[in-house]
Amino acid sequence: MTAESPAELPAPEALMACPSCDALYVERPVAPGETARCLRCHEVLEAPRQTAMTRIIMLAVSAMILMIAAIFFPFLELEAAGRMHRSSLLDTVLAFSSGLTAPLTIAMASLIVVVPMIRIGALIYVMAPMAFGHAPARHAEVVFRVAESLRPWAMAEIFVVGVAVALVKVAGMAHIFIGPAFWAFVALVIVTVLKDNFMSRVTLWKTLEHRRPS
């Protein structure tokens, strides 16, 4: 991809904009293993890899398994005044399920569990057929567009930061025992970040367009 002066710009459909700084580039083929970056802000524009879809699917499946473990296994145990209280992620979400705080239950469940699971399932639905050499699944482009629109609303990492801050404040008042679900959730955040950083969205859109049944 190369930058062009305004007088030399081709048709709009032959251009692409940097997602960070909106610099315009003429679209050029990028070979597998190469990386196209924005000359202005150095944002990665396209980075095709031979086995990228297979790796992303593996990370997505791992994230789904970790999410299930994080929901049902013990998240934290607090011991204070001789009393032990154990809670799971599901208990944390349901803690606001009564009274005026009931809408918080819907918000927490959506942002921490539902939206990330929808994104994971959508990516598997979009990429799995193409990873095995088949045509894209039905409505794959729409599903991928939905997954991308939900990306800013998947806030699992924000929840982990909030829990870490709360642990620092509670540590002086009670003994805290971190359960397996906490580590599963931390691993989920790491896997999700790796998955999103590894995915070249421009390459995926091109693959969807190229393999779309005529």
N, C-alpha and C. Protein backbone atom coordinates (compact mmCIF):
# COMPACT_ATOMS: atom_id res chain seq x y z
N MET A 1 0.85 -1.19 0.00
CA MET A 1 0.00 0.00 0.00
C MET A 1 0.89 1.24 0.00
N THR A 2 0.50 2.22 -0.79
CA THR A 2 1.29 3.42 -0.91
C THR A 2 0.41 4.65 -0.77
N ALA A 3 0.99 5.73 -0.24
CA ALA A 3 0.27 6.99 -0.14
C ALA A 3 0.33 7.70 -1.48
N GLU A 4 -0.74 8.39 -1.82
CA GLU A 4 -0.80 9.10 -3.10
C GLU A 4 -1.16 10.56 -2.84
N SER A 5 -0.70 11.45 -3.74
CA SER A 5 -1.11 12.84 -3.66
C SER A 5 -2.55 12.96 -4.12
N PRO A 6 -3.28 14.01 -3.70
CA PRO A 6 -4.69 14.15 -4.05
C PRO A 6 -4.93 14.10 -5.55
N ALA A 7 -4.02 14.63 -6.35
CA ALA A 7 -4.23 14.65 -7.80
C ALA A 7 -4.13 13.25 -8.41
N GLU A 8 -3.48 12.33 -7.75
CA GLU A 8 -3.26 11.01 -8.30
C GLU A 8 -4.19 9.96 -7.70
N LEU A 9 -5.12 10.37 -6.84
CA LEU A 9 -5.99 9.41 -6.18
C LEU A 9 -6.89 8.72 -7.19
N PRO A 10 -6.98 7.40 -7.12
CA PRO A 10 -7.86 6.66 -8.02
C PRO A 10 -9.29 6.67 -7.50
N ALA A 11 -10.10 5.78 -8.02
CA ALA A 11 -11.50 5.69 -7.62
C ALA A 11 -11.60 5.37 -6.13
N PRO A 12 -12.67 5.85 -5.44
CA PRO A 12 -12.80 5.63 -3.99
C PRO A 12 -12.76 4.16 -3.59
N GLU A 13 -13.31 3.27 -4.45
CA GLU A 13 -13.32 1.86 -4.07
C GLU A 13 -11.93 1.23 -4.07
N ALA A 14 -10.95 1.92 -4.66
CA ALA A 14 -9.58 1.41 -4.65
C ALA A 14 -8.77 1.94 -3.49
N LEU A 15 -9.40 2.73 -2.61
CA LEU A 15 -8.70 3.33 -1.48
C LEU A 15 -9.11 2.66 -0.18
N MET A 16 -8.23 2.76 0.79
CA MET A 16 -8.56 2.35 2.14
C MET A 16 -7.99 3.38 3.11
N ALA A 17 -8.69 3.56 4.24
CA ALA A 17 -8.28 4.55 5.23
C ALA A 17 -7.69 3.86 6.45
N CYS A 18 -6.69 4.48 7.02
CA CYS A 18 -6.12 3.97 8.26
C CYS A 18 -7.17 4.08 9.36
N PRO A 19 -7.41 3.02 10.14
CA PRO A 19 -8.44 3.07 11.18
C PRO A 19 -8.09 4.01 12.33
N SER A 20 -6.82 4.43 12.44
CA SER A 20 -6.42 5.30 13.55
C SER A 20 -6.38 6.77 13.17
N CYS A 21 -5.77 7.08 12.01
CA CYS A 21 -5.58 8.50 11.65
C CYS A 21 -6.27 8.89 10.36
N ASP A 22 -6.97 7.95 9.70
CA ASP A 22 -7.74 8.22 8.48
C ASP A 22 -6.88 8.60 7.28
N ALA A 23 -5.60 8.31 7.31
CA ALA A 23 -4.78 8.54 6.12
C ALA A 23 -5.22 7.58 5.02
N LEU A 24 -5.28 8.09 3.78
CA LEU A 24 -5.76 7.30 2.65
C LEU A 24 -4.59 6.62 1.95
N TYR A 25 -4.83 5.35 1.56
CA TYR A 25 -3.81 4.58 0.85
C TYR A 25 -4.46 3.85 -0.31
N VAL A 26 -3.68 3.70 -1.37
CA VAL A 26 -4.11 2.87 -2.48
C VAL A 26 -3.89 1.42 -2.10
N GLU A 27 -4.93 0.63 -2.27
CA GLU A 27 -4.86 -0.77 -1.84
C GLU A 27 -3.95 -1.55 -2.76
N ARG A 28 -3.04 -2.28 -2.17
CA ARG A 28 -2.10 -3.11 -2.90
C ARG A 28 -2.10 -4.52 -2.31
N PRO A 29 -1.81 -5.54 -3.09
CA PRO A 29 -1.73 -6.90 -2.53
C PRO A 29 -0.61 -6.99 -1.50
N VAL A 30 -0.90 -7.65 -0.39
CA VAL A 30 0.09 -7.88 0.66
C VAL A 30 0.31 -9.38 0.77
N ALA A 31 1.53 -9.82 0.56
CA ALA A 31 1.82 -11.25 0.58
C ALA A 31 1.76 -11.80 2.01
N PRO A 32 1.42 -13.09 2.16
CA PRO A 32 1.41 -13.70 3.50
C PRO A 32 2.77 -13.57 4.17
N GLY A 33 2.76 -13.16 5.42
CA GLY A 33 4.00 -12.95 6.16
C GLY A 33 4.46 -11.51 6.16
N GLU A 34 3.95 -10.69 5.24
CA GLU A 34 4.31 -9.28 5.20
C GLU A 34 3.32 -8.47 6.04
N THR A 35 3.71 -7.25 6.39
CA THR A 35 2.86 -6.37 7.19
C THR A 35 2.81 -5.00 6.55
N ALA A 36 1.61 -4.49 6.34
CA ALA A 36 1.41 -3.14 5.81
C ALA A 36 1.05 -2.23 6.97
N ARG A 37 1.83 -1.15 7.13
CA ARG A 37 1.60 -0.21 8.22
C ARG A 37 1.33 1.19 7.68
N CYS A 38 0.64 1.97 8.47
CA CYS A 38 0.40 3.36 8.12
C CYS A 38 1.69 4.15 8.26
N LEU A 39 2.01 4.96 7.25
CA LEU A 39 3.24 5.74 7.30
C LEU A 39 3.15 6.88 8.32
N ARG A 40 1.93 7.30 8.64
CA ARG A 40 1.75 8.42 9.54
C ARG A 40 1.77 8.00 11.01
N CYS A 41 0.98 6.99 11.37
CA CYS A 41 0.85 6.60 12.78
C CYS A 41 1.37 5.19 13.07
N HIS A 42 1.82 4.49 12.03
CA HIS A 42 2.41 3.14 12.16
C HIS A 42 1.39 2.08 12.61
N GLU A 43 0.11 2.38 12.45
CA GLU A 43 -0.92 1.38 12.73
C GLU A 43 -0.84 0.26 11.69
N VAL A 44 -1.04 -0.99 12.15
CA VAL A 44 -1.03 -2.12 11.22
C VAL A 44 -2.31 -2.08 10.39
N LEU A 45 -2.16 -2.00 9.07
CA LEU A 45 -3.30 -1.98 8.17
C LEU A 45 -3.69 -3.38 7.71
N GLU A 46 -2.71 -4.18 7.43
CA GLU A 46 -2.97 -5.54 6.96
C GLU A 46 -1.76 -6.40 7.27
N ALA A 47 -2.01 -7.61 7.78
CA ALA A 47 -0.91 -8.52 8.12
C ALA A 47 -1.38 -9.96 7.90
N PRO A 48 -1.49 -10.39 6.65
CA PRO A 48 -1.95 -11.77 6.39
C PRO A 48 -0.95 -12.80 6.85
N ARG A 49 -1.46 -13.90 7.43
CA ARG A 49 -0.64 -15.01 7.88
C ARG A 49 -1.27 -16.31 7.37
N GLN A 50 -0.44 -17.30 7.10
CA GLN A 50 -0.91 -18.53 6.49
C GLN A 50 -1.92 -19.26 7.36
N THR A 51 -1.64 -19.38 8.65
CA THR A 51 -2.51 -20.15 9.55
C THR A 51 -3.24 -19.26 10.55
N ALA A 52 -3.48 -18.01 10.15
CA ALA A 52 -4.06 -17.05 11.09
C ALA A 52 -5.44 -17.48 11.56
N MET A 53 -6.29 -17.91 10.63
CA MET A 53 -7.66 -18.25 11.02
C MET A 53 -7.69 -19.43 11.97
N THR A 54 -6.86 -20.42 11.72
CA THR A 54 -6.82 -21.59 12.61
C THR A 54 -6.39 -21.18 14.02
N ARG A 55 -5.40 -20.32 14.11
CA ARG A 55 -4.93 -19.86 15.43
C ARG A 55 -5.99 -19.04 16.14
N ILE A 56 -6.68 -18.17 15.40
CA ILE A 56 -7.72 -17.35 16.02
C ILE A 56 -8.86 -18.22 16.52
N ILE A 57 -9.23 -19.25 15.74
CA ILE A 57 -10.29 -20.17 16.18
C ILE A 57 -9.87 -20.90 17.45
N MET A 58 -8.62 -21.35 17.50
CA MET A 58 -8.13 -22.03 18.70
C MET A 58 -8.17 -21.11 19.91
N LEU A 59 -7.78 -19.84 19.72
CA LEU A 59 -7.84 -18.88 20.83
C LEU A 59 -9.28 -18.59 21.22
N ALA A 60 -10.18 -18.53 20.23
CA ALA A 60 -11.58 -18.26 20.54
C ALA A 60 -12.20 -19.41 21.32
N VAL A 61 -11.91 -20.64 20.92
CA VAL A 61 -12.43 -21.80 21.66
C VAL A 61 -11.86 -21.82 23.07
N SER A 62 -10.57 -21.51 23.21
CA SER A 62 -9.97 -21.45 24.54
C SER A 62 -10.65 -20.38 25.39
N ALA A 63 -10.94 -19.23 24.79
CA ALA A 63 -11.62 -18.16 25.52
C ALA A 63 -13.01 -18.59 25.97
N MET A 64 -13.72 -19.34 25.13
CA MET A 64 -15.06 -19.81 25.50
C MET A 64 -14.99 -20.78 26.69
N ILE A 65 -14.02 -21.68 26.66
CA ILE A 65 -13.85 -22.63 27.76
C ILE A 65 -13.50 -21.90 29.06
N LEU A 66 -12.61 -20.93 28.95
CA LEU A 66 -12.21 -20.15 30.13
C LEU A 66 -13.39 -19.35 30.69
N MET A 67 -14.24 -18.82 29.81
CA MET A 67 -15.40 -18.07 30.27
C MET A 67 -16.36 -18.98 31.04
N ILE A 68 -16.60 -20.18 30.53
CA ILE A 68 -17.48 -21.13 31.23
C ILE A 68 -16.91 -21.47 32.60
N ALA A 69 -15.59 -21.70 32.65
CA ALA A 69 -14.95 -21.99 33.94
C ALA A 69 -15.05 -20.80 34.88
N ALA A 70 -14.89 -19.59 34.35
CA ALA A 70 -14.94 -18.40 35.19
C ALA A 70 -16.33 -18.16 35.76
N ILE A 71 -17.36 -18.61 35.05
CA ILE A 71 -18.73 -18.38 35.51
C ILE A 71 -19.09 -19.30 36.67
N PHE A 72 -18.68 -20.56 36.60
CA PHE A 72 -19.21 -21.56 37.53
C PHE A 72 -18.25 -21.95 38.66
N PHE A 73 -16.96 -21.75 38.49
CA PHE A 73 -16.03 -22.10 39.56
C PHE A 73 -15.95 -20.96 40.58
N PRO A 74 -15.46 -21.23 41.80
CA PRO A 74 -15.32 -20.17 42.80
C PRO A 74 -14.40 -19.07 42.32
N PHE A 75 -14.85 -17.83 42.51
CA PHE A 75 -14.08 -16.68 42.05
C PHE A 75 -13.20 -16.13 43.17
N LEU A 76 -13.81 -15.86 44.32
CA LEU A 76 -13.08 -15.35 45.48
C LEU A 76 -13.66 -15.95 46.75
N GLU A 77 -12.81 -16.08 47.77
CA GLU A 77 -13.25 -16.48 49.10
C GLU A 77 -12.75 -15.44 50.10
N LEU A 78 -13.66 -14.95 50.91
CA LEU A 78 -13.32 -13.95 51.93
C LEU A 78 -13.55 -14.53 53.31
N GLU A 79 -12.57 -14.36 54.19
CA GLU A 79 -12.69 -14.82 55.57
C GLU A 79 -12.53 -13.62 56.50
N ALA A 80 -13.58 -13.36 57.28
CA ALA A 80 -13.57 -12.24 58.23
C ALA A 80 -14.37 -12.63 59.46
N ALA A 81 -13.80 -12.37 60.61
CA ALA A 81 -14.47 -12.68 61.89
C ALA A 81 -14.86 -14.15 61.98
N GLY A 82 -14.03 -15.01 61.47
CA GLY A 82 -14.28 -16.44 61.54
C GLY A 82 -15.31 -16.95 60.57
N ARG A 83 -15.81 -16.11 59.71
CA ARG A 83 -16.81 -16.53 58.75
C ARG A 83 -16.21 -16.51 57.35
N MET A 84 -16.53 -17.55 56.58
CA MET A 84 -16.02 -17.69 55.23
C MET A 84 -17.15 -17.46 54.23
N HIS A 85 -16.89 -16.61 53.25
CA HIS A 85 -17.88 -16.34 52.21
C HIS A 85 -17.24 -16.63 50.86
N ARG A 86 -17.86 -17.53 50.10
CA ARG A 86 -17.36 -17.89 48.78
C ARG A 86 -18.32 -17.38 47.72
N SER A 87 -17.78 -16.80 46.66
CA SER A 87 -18.62 -16.26 45.61
C SER A 87 -18.04 -16.61 44.24
N SER A 88 -18.94 -16.80 43.30
CA SER A 88 -18.55 -17.03 41.92
C SER A 88 -18.84 -15.78 41.10
N LEU A 89 -18.45 -15.80 39.85
CA LEU A 89 -18.74 -14.67 38.97
C LEU A 89 -20.24 -14.49 38.82
N LEU A 90 -20.96 -15.61 38.78
CA LEU A 90 -22.42 -15.53 38.69
C LEU A 90 -23.01 -14.88 39.93
N ASP A 91 -22.46 -15.19 41.11
CA ASP A 91 -22.93 -14.55 42.35
C ASP A 91 -22.67 -13.04 42.32
N THR A 92 -21.53 -12.66 41.76
CA THR A 92 -21.20 -11.23 41.67
C THR A 92 -22.20 -10.48 40.79
N VAL A 93 -22.56 -11.11 39.68
CA VAL A 93 -23.53 -10.47 38.78
C VAL A 93 -24.90 -10.37 39.44
N LEU A 94 -25.31 -11.44 40.15
CA LEU A 94 -26.64 -11.47 40.76
C LEU A 94 -26.72 -10.65 42.04
N ALA A 95 -25.60 -10.14 42.53
CA ALA A 95 -25.62 -9.38 43.77
C ALA A 95 -26.42 -8.10 43.64
N PHE A 96 -26.61 -7.61 42.41
CA PHE A 96 -27.36 -6.37 42.20
C PHE A 96 -28.74 -6.63 41.60
N SER A 97 -29.27 -7.84 41.79
CA SER A 97 -30.49 -8.24 41.08
C SER A 97 -31.78 -7.79 41.75
N SER A 98 -31.70 -7.05 42.85
CA SER A 98 -32.92 -6.63 43.54
C SER A 98 -32.94 -5.12 43.74
N GLY A 99 -34.13 -4.57 43.81
CA GLY A 99 -34.27 -3.15 44.08
C GLY A 99 -33.87 -2.28 42.91
N LEU A 100 -33.43 -1.07 43.24
CA LEU A 100 -33.08 -0.10 42.22
C LEU A 100 -31.81 -0.47 41.46
N THR A 101 -31.02 -1.38 42.03
CA THR A 101 -29.77 -1.77 41.37
C THR A 101 -29.96 -2.92 40.39
N ALA A 102 -31.21 -3.35 40.18
CA ALA A 102 -31.46 -4.47 39.27
C ALA A 102 -30.92 -4.22 37.86
N PRO A 103 -31.03 -3.00 37.31
CA PRO A 103 -30.45 -2.79 35.97
C PRO A 103 -28.95 -3.05 35.90
N LEU A 104 -28.25 -2.92 37.05
CA LEU A 104 -26.82 -3.22 37.04
C LEU A 104 -26.56 -4.69 36.74
N THR A 105 -27.49 -5.58 37.14
CA THR A 105 -27.32 -6.99 36.84
C THR A 105 -27.31 -7.22 35.34
N ILE A 106 -28.25 -6.58 34.65
CA ILE A 106 -28.31 -6.73 33.20
C ILE A 106 -27.05 -6.16 32.55
N ALA A 107 -26.63 -4.98 33.03
CA ALA A 107 -25.44 -4.35 32.46
C ALA A 107 -24.18 -5.20 32.68
N MET A 108 -23.99 -5.69 33.91
CA MET A 108 -22.81 -6.50 34.21
C MET A 108 -22.82 -7.79 33.43
N ALA A 109 -23.98 -8.47 33.42
CA ALA A 109 -24.07 -9.73 32.69
C ALA A 109 -23.81 -9.53 31.21
N SER A 110 -24.29 -8.42 30.67
CA SER A 110 -24.11 -8.17 29.24
C SER A 110 -22.67 -7.84 28.90
N LEU A 111 -22.07 -6.91 29.65
CA LEU A 111 -20.74 -6.42 29.31
C LEU A 111 -19.64 -7.41 29.67
N ILE A 112 -19.86 -8.21 30.71
CA ILE A 112 -18.80 -9.11 31.20
C ILE A 112 -18.92 -10.51 30.61
N VAL A 113 -20.15 -10.98 30.39
CA VAL A 113 -20.35 -12.37 29.97
C VAL A 113 -20.99 -12.46 28.58
N VAL A 114 -22.16 -11.86 28.41
CA VAL A 114 -22.96 -12.08 27.20
C VAL A 114 -22.25 -11.55 25.95
N VAL A 115 -21.83 -10.28 25.97
CA VAL A 115 -21.19 -9.69 24.79
C VAL A 115 -19.90 -10.41 24.42
N PRO A 116 -18.99 -10.70 25.38
CA PRO A 116 -17.80 -11.46 24.99
C PRO A 116 -18.12 -12.83 24.40
N MET A 117 -19.14 -13.52 24.95
CA MET A 117 -19.49 -14.84 24.42
C MET A 117 -20.08 -14.72 23.02
N ILE A 118 -20.87 -13.68 22.77
CA ILE A 118 -21.42 -13.48 21.43
C ILE A 118 -20.30 -13.23 20.43
N ARG A 119 -19.32 -12.42 20.81
CA ARG A 119 -18.19 -12.13 19.92
C ARG A 119 -17.38 -13.39 19.64
N ILE A 120 -17.15 -14.18 20.67
CA ILE A 120 -16.38 -15.41 20.48
C ILE A 120 -17.12 -16.35 19.54
N GLY A 121 -18.42 -16.55 19.80
CA GLY A 121 -19.20 -17.43 18.94
C GLY A 121 -19.29 -16.91 17.51
N ALA A 122 -19.39 -15.59 17.35
CA ALA A 122 -19.47 -15.01 16.01
C ALA A 122 -18.18 -15.22 15.23
N LEU A 123 -17.04 -15.05 15.88
CA LEU A 123 -15.76 -15.24 15.20
C LEU A 123 -15.57 -16.70 14.79
N ILE A 124 -15.97 -17.61 15.64
CA ILE A 124 -15.88 -19.03 15.28
C ILE A 124 -16.80 -19.32 14.09
N TYR A 125 -18.01 -18.77 14.10
CA TYR A 125 -18.97 -18.99 13.02
C TYR A 125 -18.42 -18.45 11.70
N VAL A 126 -17.76 -17.29 11.74
CA VAL A 126 -17.27 -16.66 10.52
C VAL A 126 -16.04 -17.38 9.98
N MET A 127 -15.11 -17.75 10.87
CA MET A 127 -13.81 -18.24 10.41
C MET A 127 -13.73 -19.75 10.23
N ALA A 128 -14.50 -20.52 10.99
CA ALA A 128 -14.35 -21.97 10.96
C ALA A 128 -14.51 -22.56 9.55
N PRO A 129 -15.56 -22.22 8.80
CA PRO A 129 -15.66 -22.80 7.45
C PRO A 129 -14.48 -22.43 6.56
N MET A 130 -14.03 -21.16 6.60
CA MET A 130 -12.94 -20.73 5.74
C MET A 130 -11.62 -21.35 6.16
N ALA A 131 -11.46 -21.62 7.46
CA ALA A 131 -10.22 -22.24 7.93
C ALA A 131 -10.05 -23.64 7.35
N PHE A 132 -11.18 -24.30 7.05
CA PHE A 132 -11.14 -25.64 6.46
C PHE A 132 -11.27 -25.61 4.95
N GLY A 133 -11.13 -24.41 4.35
CA GLY A 133 -11.13 -24.29 2.90
C GLY A 133 -12.48 -24.18 2.25
N HIS A 134 -13.55 -23.99 3.04
CA HIS A 134 -14.89 -23.91 2.48
C HIS A 134 -15.29 -22.45 2.25
N ALA A 135 -16.43 -22.28 1.60
CA ALA A 135 -16.98 -20.94 1.41
C ALA A 135 -17.46 -20.40 2.75
N PRO A 136 -17.56 -19.08 2.88
CA PRO A 136 -18.04 -18.52 4.15
C PRO A 136 -19.43 -19.01 4.50
N ALA A 137 -19.72 -19.08 5.78
CA ALA A 137 -21.04 -19.48 6.24
C ALA A 137 -22.07 -18.43 5.83
N ARG A 138 -23.33 -18.82 5.89
CA ARG A 138 -24.41 -17.92 5.49
C ARG A 138 -24.43 -16.69 6.40
N HIS A 139 -24.53 -15.52 5.78
CA HIS A 139 -24.57 -14.24 6.50
C HIS A 139 -23.30 -14.01 7.32
N ALA A 140 -22.17 -14.57 6.88
CA ALA A 140 -20.92 -14.42 7.62
C ALA A 140 -20.50 -12.96 7.72
N GLU A 141 -20.70 -12.19 6.66
CA GLU A 141 -20.29 -10.79 6.67
C GLU A 141 -21.11 -9.99 7.69
N VAL A 142 -22.40 -10.28 7.76
CA VAL A 142 -23.25 -9.59 8.74
C VAL A 142 -22.83 -9.96 10.16
N VAL A 143 -22.56 -11.24 10.38
CA VAL A 143 -22.17 -11.71 11.71
C VAL A 143 -20.84 -11.07 12.12
N PHE A 144 -19.90 -10.99 11.19
CA PHE A 144 -18.61 -10.39 11.52
C PHE A 144 -18.76 -8.89 11.80
N ARG A 145 -19.64 -8.24 11.05
CA ARG A 145 -19.89 -6.81 11.29
C ARG A 145 -20.48 -6.59 12.69
N VAL A 146 -21.37 -7.49 13.10
CA VAL A 146 -21.95 -7.40 14.45
C VAL A 146 -20.87 -7.62 15.50
N ALA A 147 -20.00 -8.62 15.27
CA ALA A 147 -18.92 -8.89 16.22
C ALA A 147 -18.00 -7.69 16.37
N GLU A 148 -17.71 -7.00 15.27
CA GLU A 148 -16.85 -5.83 15.32
C GLU A 148 -17.52 -4.67 16.04
N SER A 149 -18.84 -4.52 15.83
CA SER A 149 -19.55 -3.43 16.49
C SER A 149 -19.65 -3.65 18.00
N LEU A 150 -19.60 -4.91 18.43
CA LEU A 150 -19.69 -5.23 19.86
C LEU A 150 -18.34 -5.16 20.56
N ARG A 151 -17.26 -5.05 19.80
CA ARG A 151 -15.92 -5.11 20.40
C ARG A 151 -15.71 -4.06 21.48
N PRO A 152 -16.13 -2.80 21.30
CA PRO A 152 -15.90 -1.83 22.40
C PRO A 152 -16.71 -2.11 23.65
N TRP A 153 -17.76 -2.95 23.54
CA TRP A 153 -18.64 -3.20 24.67
C TRP A 153 -18.29 -4.47 25.43
N ALA A 154 -17.32 -5.21 24.97
CA ALA A 154 -16.87 -6.40 25.70
C ALA A 154 -15.82 -5.95 26.72
N MET A 155 -16.22 -5.86 27.99
CA MET A 155 -15.39 -5.21 29.00
C MET A 155 -14.89 -6.17 30.06
N ALA A 156 -14.50 -7.36 29.66
CA ALA A 156 -13.98 -8.32 30.63
C ALA A 156 -12.71 -7.79 31.29
N GLU A 157 -11.85 -7.14 30.52
CA GLU A 157 -10.60 -6.63 31.08
C GLU A 157 -10.87 -5.50 32.07
N ILE A 158 -11.91 -4.70 31.84
CA ILE A 158 -12.26 -3.64 32.78
C ILE A 158 -12.71 -4.24 34.11
N PHE A 159 -13.42 -5.35 34.03
CA PHE A 159 -13.88 -6.03 35.25
C PHE A 159 -12.69 -6.54 36.06
N VAL A 160 -11.68 -7.09 35.38
CA VAL A 160 -10.50 -7.59 36.08
C VAL A 160 -9.78 -6.45 36.79
N VAL A 161 -9.66 -5.30 36.12
CA VAL A 161 -9.02 -4.14 36.75
C VAL A 161 -9.81 -3.70 37.98
N GLY A 162 -11.14 -3.66 37.86
CA GLY A 162 -11.99 -3.30 39.00
C GLY A 162 -11.85 -4.25 40.16
N VAL A 163 -11.77 -5.56 39.87
CA VAL A 163 -11.59 -6.55 40.93
C VAL A 163 -10.24 -6.36 41.61
N ALA A 164 -9.20 -6.09 40.82
CA ALA A 164 -7.87 -5.87 41.40
C ALA A 164 -7.87 -4.68 42.34
N VAL A 165 -8.53 -3.59 41.96
CA VAL A 165 -8.61 -2.42 42.82
C VAL A 165 -9.37 -2.74 44.10
N ALA A 166 -10.48 -3.48 43.97
CA ALA A 166 -11.28 -3.85 45.14
C ALA A 166 -10.49 -4.74 46.08
N LEU A 167 -9.69 -5.65 45.53
CA LEU A 167 -8.89 -6.55 46.38
C LEU A 167 -7.89 -5.77 47.22
N VAL A 168 -7.30 -4.74 46.62
CA VAL A 168 -6.34 -3.93 47.36
C VAL A 168 -7.02 -3.25 48.55
N LYS A 169 -8.26 -2.78 48.36
CA LYS A 169 -8.97 -2.07 49.42
C LYS A 169 -9.49 -3.02 50.50
N VAL A 170 -9.86 -4.25 50.10
CA VAL A 170 -10.45 -5.19 51.05
C VAL A 170 -9.38 -5.99 51.79
N ALA A 171 -8.17 -6.02 51.25
CA ALA A 171 -7.13 -6.88 51.82
C ALA A 171 -6.86 -6.60 53.28
N GLY A 172 -7.01 -5.36 53.71
CA GLY A 172 -6.74 -5.03 55.10
C GLY A 172 -7.87 -5.38 56.05
N MET A 173 -9.04 -5.73 55.53
CA MET A 173 -10.19 -6.02 56.38
C MET A 173 -10.54 -7.50 56.45
N ALA A 174 -10.03 -8.30 55.54
CA ALA A 174 -10.38 -9.72 55.52
C ALA A 174 -9.28 -10.50 54.81
N HIS A 175 -9.25 -11.80 55.10
CA HIS A 175 -8.33 -12.68 54.39
C HIS A 175 -8.97 -13.06 53.06
N ILE A 176 -8.21 -12.90 51.99
CA ILE A 176 -8.73 -13.14 50.65
C ILE A 176 -8.05 -14.36 50.05
N PHE A 177 -8.85 -15.26 49.51
CA PHE A 177 -8.35 -16.44 48.82
C PHE A 177 -8.87 -16.40 47.39
N ILE A 178 -7.96 -16.34 46.46
CA ILE A 178 -8.33 -16.24 45.05
C ILE A 178 -8.67 -17.63 44.52
N GLY A 179 -9.85 -17.76 43.93
CA GLY A 179 -10.31 -19.05 43.41
C GLY A 179 -9.87 -19.29 41.99
N PRO A 180 -10.10 -20.50 41.47
CA PRO A 180 -9.69 -20.83 40.10
C PRO A 180 -10.40 -19.99 39.04
N ALA A 181 -11.63 -19.54 39.33
CA ALA A 181 -12.34 -18.74 38.35
C ALA A 181 -11.65 -17.39 38.11
N PHE A 182 -11.03 -16.86 39.14
CA PHE A 182 -10.31 -15.59 38.97
C PHE A 182 -9.18 -15.75 37.96
N TRP A 183 -8.39 -16.81 38.13
CA TRP A 183 -7.28 -17.03 37.20
C TRP A 183 -7.79 -17.40 35.81
N ALA A 184 -8.91 -18.11 35.75
CA ALA A 184 -9.51 -18.40 34.45
C ALA A 184 -9.92 -17.11 33.74
N PHE A 185 -10.45 -16.16 34.52
CA PHE A 185 -10.88 -14.89 33.93
C PHE A 185 -9.67 -14.07 33.49
N VAL A 186 -8.60 -14.09 34.27
CA VAL A 186 -7.38 -13.39 33.87
C VAL A 186 -6.83 -13.99 32.58
N ALA A 187 -6.81 -15.34 32.51
CA ALA A 187 -6.35 -16.00 31.30
C ALA A 187 -7.26 -15.67 30.12
N LEU A 188 -8.57 -15.55 30.38
CA LEU A 188 -9.51 -15.18 29.34
C LEU A 188 -9.18 -13.82 28.76
N VAL A 189 -8.87 -12.86 29.61
CA VAL A 189 -8.52 -11.51 29.14
C VAL A 189 -7.26 -11.56 28.28
N ILE A 190 -6.26 -12.31 28.72
CA ILE A 190 -5.01 -12.41 27.97
C ILE A 190 -5.26 -13.04 26.61
N VAL A 191 -6.02 -14.14 26.59
CA VAL A 191 -6.33 -14.82 25.33
C VAL A 191 -7.11 -13.90 24.40
N THR A 192 -8.05 -13.14 24.95
CA THR A 192 -8.85 -12.23 24.13
C THR A 192 -7.99 -11.14 23.51
N VAL A 193 -7.07 -10.58 24.29
CA VAL A 193 -6.17 -9.55 23.76
C VAL A 193 -5.30 -10.13 22.65
N LEU A 194 -4.76 -11.33 22.86
CA LEU A 194 -3.95 -11.98 21.82
C LEU A 194 -4.76 -12.23 20.57
N LYS A 195 -6.00 -12.69 20.75
CA LYS A 195 -6.87 -12.98 19.61
C LYS A 195 -7.16 -11.72 18.80
N ASP A 196 -7.50 -10.64 19.48
CA ASP A 196 -7.83 -9.40 18.77
C ASP A 196 -6.61 -8.79 18.10
N ASN A 197 -5.45 -8.87 18.74
CA ASN A 197 -4.24 -8.31 18.15
C ASN A 197 -3.73 -9.15 16.99
N PHE A 198 -3.98 -10.46 17.04
CA PHE A 198 -3.49 -11.35 15.99
C PHE A 198 -4.35 -11.26 14.74
N MET A 199 -5.60 -10.82 14.88
CA MET A 199 -6.54 -10.83 13.76
C MET A 199 -6.34 -9.60 12.88
N SER A 200 -6.12 -9.83 11.58
CA SER A 200 -6.06 -8.75 10.60
C SER A 200 -7.45 -8.60 9.99
N ARG A 201 -8.15 -7.56 10.38
CA ARG A 201 -9.53 -7.40 9.95
C ARG A 201 -9.65 -7.12 8.45
N VAL A 202 -8.70 -6.36 7.90
CA VAL A 202 -8.73 -6.09 6.46
C VAL A 202 -8.56 -7.40 5.69
N THR A 203 -7.63 -8.24 6.12
CA THR A 203 -7.42 -9.52 5.46
C THR A 203 -8.66 -10.40 5.56
N LEU A 204 -9.31 -10.38 6.71
CA LEU A 204 -10.51 -11.20 6.88
C LEU A 204 -11.63 -10.71 5.98
N TRP A 205 -11.80 -9.39 5.87
CA TRP A 205 -12.83 -8.87 4.97
C TRP A 205 -12.52 -9.24 3.53
N LYS A 206 -11.27 -9.18 3.14
CA LYS A 206 -10.89 -9.56 1.77
C LYS A 206 -11.16 -11.05 1.53
N THR A 207 -10.87 -11.87 2.52
CA THR A 207 -11.12 -13.31 2.38
C THR A 207 -12.61 -13.60 2.25
N LEU A 208 -13.41 -12.91 3.05
CA LEU A 208 -14.86 -13.08 2.95
C LEU A 208 -15.36 -12.69 1.56
N GLU A 209 -14.83 -11.59 1.02
CA GLU A 209 -15.26 -11.15 -0.30
C GLU A 209 -14.78 -12.09 -1.39
N HIS A 210 -13.54 -12.59 -1.25
CA HIS A 210 -12.96 -13.45 -2.27
C HIS A 210 -13.65 -14.82 -2.32
N ARG A 211 -14.03 -15.35 -1.16
CA ARG A 211 -14.62 -16.69 -1.12
C ARG A 211 -16.15 -16.67 -1.11
N ARG A 212 -16.72 -15.48 -1.25
CA ARG A 212 -18.18 -15.39 -1.28
C ARG A 212 -18.71 -16.12 -2.50
N PRO A 213 -19.70 -16.98 -2.32
CA PRO A 213 -20.26 -17.70 -3.49
C PRO A 213 -20.82 -16.72 -4.51
N SER A 214 -20.52 -16.95 -5.77
CA SER A 214 -20.98 -16.05 -6.83
C SER A 214 -22.44 -16.34 -7.21
